[in-house]
Amino acid sequence: MKVFISHSSTDEKLAQRIAHVLRDAGFQVWDATQILPGDNWGIQLAKALQESEAMVVLLTPNSVHAPNLSYEVGYALGEVGYKGRVIPVFAASLAQLPKEDIPWVLYKFPMIHLQDQEQDEEGLQSIVQTLLAAA
């Protein structure tokens, strides 16, 4: 299964950590390193969204205000191929992520909470297990 990780560029380190865990579990993960110098960013991003079958939505204080998150989540919700495979991941305390900042539709999906971005192996494995169950 191909997985797209929707995140803010400021959360790249955590997104790469999640991508690594997902790849180790056998998933294909698109990331920005696949865009070559001179490539059209928008075209490559659209292609990645079209080819993916699941989305991990990384929710942090940075990402919830990034316009790309709304666009990417909106695309996934409108595509049949993503049905049941949009996985919101809280990567901050709930105090840092007020409910009104989270797109309301994401509350309709099972959410995963990463307690510690650096060491929460259990939370990372929850992402893997959720994707395996949705496959």
N, C-alpha and C. Protein backbone atom coordinates (compact mmCIF):
# COMPACT_ATOMS: atom_id res chain seq x y z
N MET A 1 0.86 -1.17 0.00
CA MET A 1 0.00 0.00 0.00
C MET A 1 0.90 1.24 0.00
N LYS A 2 0.52 2.24 -0.80
CA LYS A 2 1.26 3.49 -0.85
C LYS A 2 0.64 4.47 0.13
N VAL A 3 1.48 5.08 0.95
CA VAL A 3 1.03 5.98 2.01
C VAL A 3 1.60 7.38 1.79
N PHE A 4 0.74 8.37 1.94
CA PHE A 4 1.12 9.78 1.86
C PHE A 4 1.06 10.33 3.28
N ILE A 5 2.11 11.04 3.71
CA ILE A 5 2.11 11.65 5.03
C ILE A 5 1.91 13.15 4.85
N SER A 6 0.76 13.64 5.28
CA SER A 6 0.45 15.07 5.21
C SER A 6 1.03 15.72 6.46
N HIS A 7 1.91 16.71 6.25
CA HIS A 7 2.58 17.34 7.38
C HIS A 7 3.10 18.72 6.99
N SER A 8 3.45 19.49 7.97
CA SER A 8 4.09 20.79 7.76
C SER A 8 5.58 20.56 7.51
N SER A 9 6.18 21.41 6.71
CA SER A 9 7.62 21.26 6.45
C SER A 9 8.44 21.38 7.73
N THR A 10 7.92 22.09 8.72
CA THR A 10 8.64 22.21 9.99
C THR A 10 8.62 20.91 10.80
N ASP A 11 7.77 19.98 10.39
CA ASP A 11 7.67 18.68 11.08
C ASP A 11 8.32 17.56 10.26
N GLU A 12 9.23 17.93 9.38
CA GLU A 12 9.86 16.97 8.46
C GLU A 12 10.57 15.85 9.20
N LYS A 13 11.26 16.17 10.29
CA LYS A 13 12.00 15.14 11.04
C LYS A 13 11.06 14.04 11.54
N LEU A 14 9.94 14.44 12.11
CA LEU A 14 8.98 13.45 12.60
C LEU A 14 8.34 12.69 11.43
N ALA A 15 8.03 13.39 10.35
CA ALA A 15 7.44 12.73 9.18
C ALA A 15 8.41 11.67 8.63
N GLN A 16 9.69 11.99 8.61
CA GLN A 16 10.68 11.01 8.14
C GLN A 16 10.79 9.82 9.08
N ARG A 17 10.65 10.07 10.36
CA ARG A 17 10.68 8.98 11.35
C ARG A 17 9.49 8.03 11.13
N ILE A 18 8.32 8.60 10.91
CA ILE A 18 7.13 7.80 10.63
C ILE A 18 7.30 7.04 9.32
N ALA A 19 7.82 7.73 8.30
CA ALA A 19 8.04 7.08 7.00
C ALA A 19 8.98 5.88 7.14
N HIS A 20 10.02 6.03 7.92
CA HIS A 20 10.97 4.94 8.13
C HIS A 20 10.30 3.72 8.76
N VAL A 21 9.49 3.96 9.78
CA VAL A 21 8.77 2.87 10.46
C VAL A 21 7.80 2.20 9.49
N LEU A 22 7.11 3.00 8.69
CA LEU A 22 6.16 2.43 7.73
C LEU A 22 6.88 1.63 6.65
N ARG A 23 8.00 2.12 6.17
CA ARG A 23 8.77 1.37 5.16
C ARG A 23 9.26 0.05 5.74
N ASP A 24 9.72 0.08 6.98
CA ASP A 24 10.17 -1.16 7.64
C ASP A 24 9.05 -2.18 7.74
N ALA A 25 7.81 -1.68 7.80
CA ALA A 25 6.64 -2.57 7.90
C ALA A 25 6.14 -3.01 6.52
N GLY A 26 6.81 -2.55 5.45
CA GLY A 26 6.46 -3.00 4.12
C GLY A 26 5.61 -2.05 3.30
N PHE A 27 5.34 -0.86 3.82
CA PHE A 27 4.55 0.13 3.08
C PHE A 27 5.46 0.95 2.17
N GLN A 28 4.91 1.43 1.08
CA GLN A 28 5.59 2.40 0.24
C GLN A 28 5.15 3.77 0.73
N VAL A 29 6.11 4.67 0.93
CA VAL A 29 5.79 5.99 1.46
C VAL A 29 6.38 7.05 0.54
N TRP A 30 5.51 7.99 0.12
CA TRP A 30 6.00 9.11 -0.67
C TRP A 30 6.54 10.17 0.27
N ASP A 31 7.66 10.77 -0.11
CA ASP A 31 8.14 11.93 0.63
C ASP A 31 8.80 12.91 -0.34
N ALA A 32 9.07 14.10 0.15
CA ALA A 32 9.55 15.19 -0.69
C ALA A 32 10.94 14.91 -1.27
N THR A 33 11.67 13.96 -0.72
CA THR A 33 12.99 13.65 -1.28
C THR A 33 12.88 13.06 -2.68
N GLN A 34 11.69 12.64 -3.07
CA GLN A 34 11.49 12.07 -4.40
C GLN A 34 11.29 13.16 -5.46
N ILE A 35 11.21 14.40 -5.03
CA ILE A 35 11.10 15.51 -5.97
C ILE A 35 12.52 15.95 -6.31
N LEU A 36 12.83 15.92 -7.58
CA LEU A 36 14.17 16.26 -8.04
C LEU A 36 14.28 17.75 -8.34
N PRO A 37 15.51 18.28 -8.29
CA PRO A 37 15.68 19.69 -8.65
C PRO A 37 15.12 19.94 -10.06
N GLY A 38 14.35 20.98 -10.19
CA GLY A 38 13.74 21.32 -11.47
C GLY A 38 12.35 20.74 -11.66
N ASP A 39 11.97 19.75 -10.84
CA ASP A 39 10.62 19.20 -10.92
C ASP A 39 9.61 20.24 -10.47
N ASN A 40 8.43 20.17 -11.02
CA ASN A 40 7.34 21.03 -10.59
C ASN A 40 6.76 20.44 -9.31
N TRP A 41 6.91 21.16 -8.21
CA TRP A 41 6.48 20.67 -6.90
C TRP A 41 5.00 20.30 -6.90
N GLY A 42 4.17 21.19 -7.43
CA GLY A 42 2.72 20.96 -7.44
C GLY A 42 2.33 19.72 -8.22
N ILE A 43 2.95 19.53 -9.38
CA ILE A 43 2.65 18.35 -10.19
C ILE A 43 3.07 17.08 -9.48
N GLN A 44 4.24 17.10 -8.89
CA GLN A 44 4.74 15.91 -8.18
C GLN A 44 3.88 15.59 -6.95
N LEU A 45 3.45 16.61 -6.26
CA LEU A 45 2.59 16.42 -5.09
C LEU A 45 1.24 15.83 -5.52
N ALA A 46 0.67 16.38 -6.58
CA ALA A 46 -0.61 15.86 -7.09
C ALA A 46 -0.47 14.41 -7.51
N LYS A 47 0.62 14.09 -8.18
CA LYS A 47 0.86 12.71 -8.61
C LYS A 47 0.97 11.77 -7.40
N ALA A 48 1.68 12.22 -6.37
CA ALA A 48 1.82 11.41 -5.16
C ALA A 48 0.47 11.16 -4.49
N LEU A 49 -0.36 12.20 -4.43
CA LEU A 49 -1.70 12.04 -3.85
C LEU A 49 -2.55 11.07 -4.66
N GLN A 50 -2.46 11.16 -5.98
CA GLN A 50 -3.24 10.28 -6.85
C GLN A 50 -2.80 8.83 -6.74
N GLU A 51 -1.51 8.60 -6.55
CA GLU A 51 -0.98 7.24 -6.50
C GLU A 51 -1.10 6.60 -5.13
N SER A 52 -1.30 7.40 -4.10
CA SER A 52 -1.37 6.87 -2.74
C SER A 52 -2.74 6.27 -2.45
N GLU A 53 -2.76 5.37 -1.46
CA GLU A 53 -3.99 4.68 -1.09
C GLU A 53 -4.36 4.91 0.38
N ALA A 54 -3.49 5.61 1.09
CA ALA A 54 -3.74 5.91 2.50
C ALA A 54 -3.02 7.21 2.84
N MET A 55 -3.53 7.87 3.88
CA MET A 55 -2.90 9.12 4.31
C MET A 55 -2.77 9.14 5.83
N VAL A 56 -1.56 9.46 6.28
CA VAL A 56 -1.32 9.75 7.69
C VAL A 56 -1.30 11.27 7.79
N VAL A 57 -2.17 11.82 8.62
CA VAL A 57 -2.27 13.27 8.78
C VAL A 57 -1.59 13.63 10.09
N LEU A 58 -0.41 14.21 9.98
CA LEU A 58 0.38 14.56 11.15
C LEU A 58 -0.10 15.90 11.70
N LEU A 59 -0.73 15.86 12.87
CA LEU A 59 -1.32 17.06 13.48
C LEU A 59 -0.40 17.61 14.56
N THR A 60 0.15 18.78 14.28
CA THR A 60 1.02 19.49 15.22
C THR A 60 0.58 20.95 15.24
N PRO A 61 1.08 21.73 16.19
CA PRO A 61 0.73 23.16 16.17
C PRO A 61 1.12 23.84 14.86
N ASN A 62 2.14 23.34 14.18
CA ASN A 62 2.55 23.92 12.90
C ASN A 62 1.63 23.49 11.76
N SER A 63 1.28 22.23 11.73
CA SER A 63 0.54 21.71 10.57
C SER A 63 -0.92 22.13 10.53
N VAL A 64 -1.56 22.31 11.68
CA VAL A 64 -2.99 22.60 11.67
C VAL A 64 -3.31 23.95 11.03
N HIS A 65 -2.32 24.82 10.90
CA HIS A 65 -2.54 26.11 10.27
C HIS A 65 -1.93 26.18 8.87
N ALA A 66 -1.38 25.07 8.41
CA ALA A 66 -0.78 25.05 7.07
C ALA A 66 -1.86 24.77 6.03
N PRO A 67 -1.93 25.59 4.99
CA PRO A 67 -2.98 25.40 3.98
C PRO A 67 -2.90 24.04 3.29
N ASN A 68 -1.69 23.53 3.11
CA ASN A 68 -1.57 22.25 2.40
C ASN A 68 -2.28 21.12 3.13
N LEU A 69 -2.35 21.17 4.45
CA LEU A 69 -3.02 20.10 5.20
C LEU A 69 -4.49 20.03 4.80
N SER A 70 -5.15 21.16 4.74
CA SER A 70 -6.57 21.18 4.34
C SER A 70 -6.76 20.66 2.93
N TYR A 71 -5.88 21.07 2.02
CA TYR A 71 -5.99 20.63 0.63
C TYR A 71 -5.78 19.12 0.52
N GLU A 72 -4.74 18.63 1.18
CA GLU A 72 -4.42 17.20 1.08
C GLU A 72 -5.50 16.34 1.72
N VAL A 73 -5.96 16.73 2.90
CA VAL A 73 -7.02 15.98 3.56
C VAL A 73 -8.30 16.04 2.72
N GLY A 74 -8.62 17.20 2.19
CA GLY A 74 -9.79 17.33 1.34
C GLY A 74 -9.73 16.40 0.14
N TYR A 75 -8.56 16.30 -0.47
CA TYR A 75 -8.39 15.40 -1.61
C TYR A 75 -8.63 13.95 -1.18
N ALA A 76 -7.99 13.55 -0.09
CA ALA A 76 -8.12 12.16 0.38
C ALA A 76 -9.57 11.81 0.70
N LEU A 77 -10.28 12.73 1.32
CA LEU A 77 -11.67 12.46 1.69
C LEU A 77 -12.57 12.34 0.47
N GLY A 78 -12.18 12.96 -0.62
CA GLY A 78 -12.99 12.90 -1.83
C GLY A 78 -12.65 11.74 -2.75
N GLU A 79 -11.62 10.99 -2.43
CA GLU A 79 -11.19 9.88 -3.27
C GLU A 79 -11.61 8.54 -2.68
N VAL A 80 -12.27 7.75 -3.47
CA VAL A 80 -12.76 6.44 -3.01
C VAL A 80 -11.60 5.56 -2.55
N GLY A 81 -10.46 5.65 -3.22
CA GLY A 81 -9.32 4.80 -2.89
C GLY A 81 -8.76 5.01 -1.49
N TYR A 82 -9.05 6.13 -0.89
CA TYR A 82 -8.58 6.43 0.47
C TYR A 82 -9.61 6.02 1.54
N LYS A 83 -10.76 5.54 1.12
CA LYS A 83 -11.85 5.27 2.05
C LYS A 83 -11.39 4.40 3.23
N GLY A 84 -11.58 4.92 4.44
CA GLY A 84 -11.19 4.20 5.65
C GLY A 84 -9.70 4.20 5.91
N ARG A 85 -8.96 4.97 5.12
CA ARG A 85 -7.50 4.96 5.27
C ARG A 85 -6.93 6.37 5.47
N VAL A 86 -7.66 7.22 6.15
CA VAL A 86 -7.15 8.52 6.56
C VAL A 86 -6.92 8.42 8.06
N ILE A 87 -5.66 8.57 8.47
CA ILE A 87 -5.30 8.32 9.86
C ILE A 87 -4.74 9.59 10.50
N PRO A 88 -5.53 10.26 11.33
CA PRO A 88 -5.03 11.44 12.04
C PRO A 88 -4.10 11.02 13.18
N VAL A 89 -2.96 11.69 13.27
CA VAL A 89 -1.98 11.40 14.31
C VAL A 89 -1.68 12.70 15.07
N PHE A 90 -2.09 12.75 16.33
CA PHE A 90 -1.78 13.89 17.19
C PHE A 90 -0.33 13.75 17.64
N ALA A 91 0.51 14.73 17.27
CA ALA A 91 1.92 14.69 17.66
C ALA A 91 2.25 15.87 18.56
N ALA A 92 1.32 16.17 19.44
CA ALA A 92 1.48 17.24 20.42
C ALA A 92 0.44 16.99 21.50
N SER A 93 0.60 17.68 22.61
CA SER A 93 -0.40 17.53 23.66
C SER A 93 -1.70 18.16 23.20
N LEU A 94 -2.79 17.70 23.77
CA LEU A 94 -4.09 18.25 23.40
C LEU A 94 -4.20 19.73 23.76
N ALA A 95 -3.44 20.17 24.76
CA ALA A 95 -3.43 21.59 25.12
C ALA A 95 -2.80 22.42 24.01
N GLN A 96 -1.85 21.84 23.27
CA GLN A 96 -1.21 22.55 22.17
C GLN A 96 -2.03 22.51 20.89
N LEU A 97 -3.02 21.62 20.85
CA LEU A 97 -3.86 21.47 19.67
C LEU A 97 -5.33 21.66 20.05
N PRO A 98 -5.76 22.89 20.16
CA PRO A 98 -7.16 23.13 20.51
C PRO A 98 -8.09 22.47 19.50
N LYS A 99 -9.18 21.94 20.00
CA LYS A 99 -10.14 21.21 19.17
C LYS A 99 -10.58 22.03 17.96
N GLU A 100 -10.76 23.32 18.14
CA GLU A 100 -11.24 24.15 17.03
C GLU A 100 -10.19 24.32 15.92
N ASP A 101 -8.93 23.99 16.20
CA ASP A 101 -7.88 24.08 15.18
C ASP A 101 -7.80 22.84 14.30
N ILE A 102 -8.40 21.75 14.73
CA ILE A 102 -8.35 20.50 13.99
C ILE A 102 -9.54 20.45 13.03
N PRO A 103 -9.30 20.13 11.74
CA PRO A 103 -10.44 19.99 10.83
C PRO A 103 -11.46 19.01 11.42
N TRP A 104 -12.70 19.46 11.53
CA TRP A 104 -13.74 18.69 12.23
C TRP A 104 -13.90 17.28 11.68
N VAL A 105 -13.74 17.11 10.40
CA VAL A 105 -13.98 15.81 9.78
C VAL A 105 -12.98 14.75 10.28
N LEU A 106 -11.81 15.18 10.73
CA LEU A 106 -10.82 14.21 11.21
C LEU A 106 -11.25 13.53 12.51
N TYR A 107 -12.17 14.15 13.22
CA TYR A 107 -12.68 13.53 14.45
C TYR A 107 -13.56 12.32 14.16
N LYS A 108 -13.90 12.10 12.90
CA LYS A 108 -14.71 10.94 12.52
C LYS A 108 -13.86 9.68 12.35
N PHE A 109 -12.54 9.84 12.43
CA PHE A 109 -11.61 8.73 12.23
C PHE A 109 -10.95 8.36 13.56
N PRO A 110 -10.54 7.10 13.69
CA PRO A 110 -9.77 6.73 14.88
C PRO A 110 -8.47 7.54 14.91
N MET A 111 -8.18 8.12 16.04
CA MET A 111 -6.99 8.97 16.15
C MET A 111 -5.91 8.27 16.96
N ILE A 112 -4.69 8.57 16.58
CA ILE A 112 -3.52 8.04 17.27
C ILE A 112 -2.82 9.22 17.93
N HIS A 113 -2.37 9.00 19.16
CA HIS A 113 -1.65 10.04 19.90
C HIS A 113 -0.21 9.60 20.09
N LEU A 114 0.72 10.41 19.59
CA LEU A 114 2.14 10.19 19.87
C LEU A 114 2.47 10.99 21.11
N GLN A 115 2.75 10.32 22.18
CA GLN A 115 3.02 11.00 23.44
C GLN A 115 4.36 11.73 23.41
N ASP A 116 5.36 11.12 22.78
CA ASP A 116 6.70 11.68 22.73
C ASP A 116 7.20 11.52 21.30
N GLN A 117 7.43 12.62 20.61
CA GLN A 117 7.84 12.55 19.21
C GLN A 117 9.17 11.84 19.02
N GLU A 118 10.00 11.82 20.03
CA GLU A 118 11.34 11.23 19.90
C GLU A 118 11.37 9.75 20.26
N GLN A 119 10.50 9.30 21.18
CA GLN A 119 10.67 7.94 21.70
C GLN A 119 9.39 7.11 21.76
N ASP A 120 8.33 7.54 21.16
CA ASP A 120 7.07 6.82 21.29
C ASP A 120 6.94 5.71 20.25
N GLU A 121 7.66 4.62 20.49
CA GLU A 121 7.63 3.48 19.57
C GLU A 121 6.25 2.84 19.53
N GLU A 122 5.57 2.82 20.66
CA GLU A 122 4.23 2.24 20.72
C GLU A 122 3.26 3.02 19.83
N GLY A 123 3.35 4.34 19.86
CA GLY A 123 2.51 5.17 19.02
C GLY A 123 2.80 4.96 17.54
N LEU A 124 4.07 4.82 17.21
CA LEU A 124 4.45 4.57 15.81
C LEU A 124 3.92 3.22 15.34
N GLN A 125 4.00 2.23 16.20
CA GLN A 125 3.48 0.91 15.84
C GLN A 125 1.96 0.93 15.72
N SER A 126 1.30 1.83 16.45
CA SER A 126 -0.15 1.98 16.31
C SER A 126 -0.52 2.45 14.90
N ILE A 127 0.32 3.32 14.33
CA ILE A 127 0.08 3.78 12.96
C ILE A 127 0.19 2.60 12.01
N VAL A 128 1.23 1.80 12.18
CA VAL A 128 1.43 0.61 11.35
C VAL A 128 0.23 -0.33 11.47
N GLN A 129 -0.20 -0.62 12.69
CA GLN A 129 -1.30 -1.54 12.92
C GLN A 129 -2.61 -1.03 12.32
N THR A 130 -2.83 0.28 12.42
CA THR A 130 -4.05 0.87 11.86
C THR A 130 -4.05 0.74 10.35
N LEU A 131 -2.90 0.97 9.72
CA LEU A 131 -2.81 0.82 8.26
C LEU A 131 -2.96 -0.64 7.85
N LEU A 132 -2.38 -1.55 8.60
CA LEU A 132 -2.52 -2.98 8.27
C LEU A 132 -3.97 -3.41 8.37
N ALA A 133 -4.67 -2.92 9.37
CA ALA A 133 -6.08 -3.27 9.54
C ALA A 133 -6.95 -2.71 8.41
N ALA A 134 -6.53 -1.58 7.85
CA ALA A 134 -7.31 -0.93 6.80
C ALA A 134 -6.99 -1.49 5.41
N ALA A 135 -5.92 -2.26 5.32
CA ALA A 135 -5.48 -2.78 4.00
C ALA A 135 -6.45 -3.77 3.42
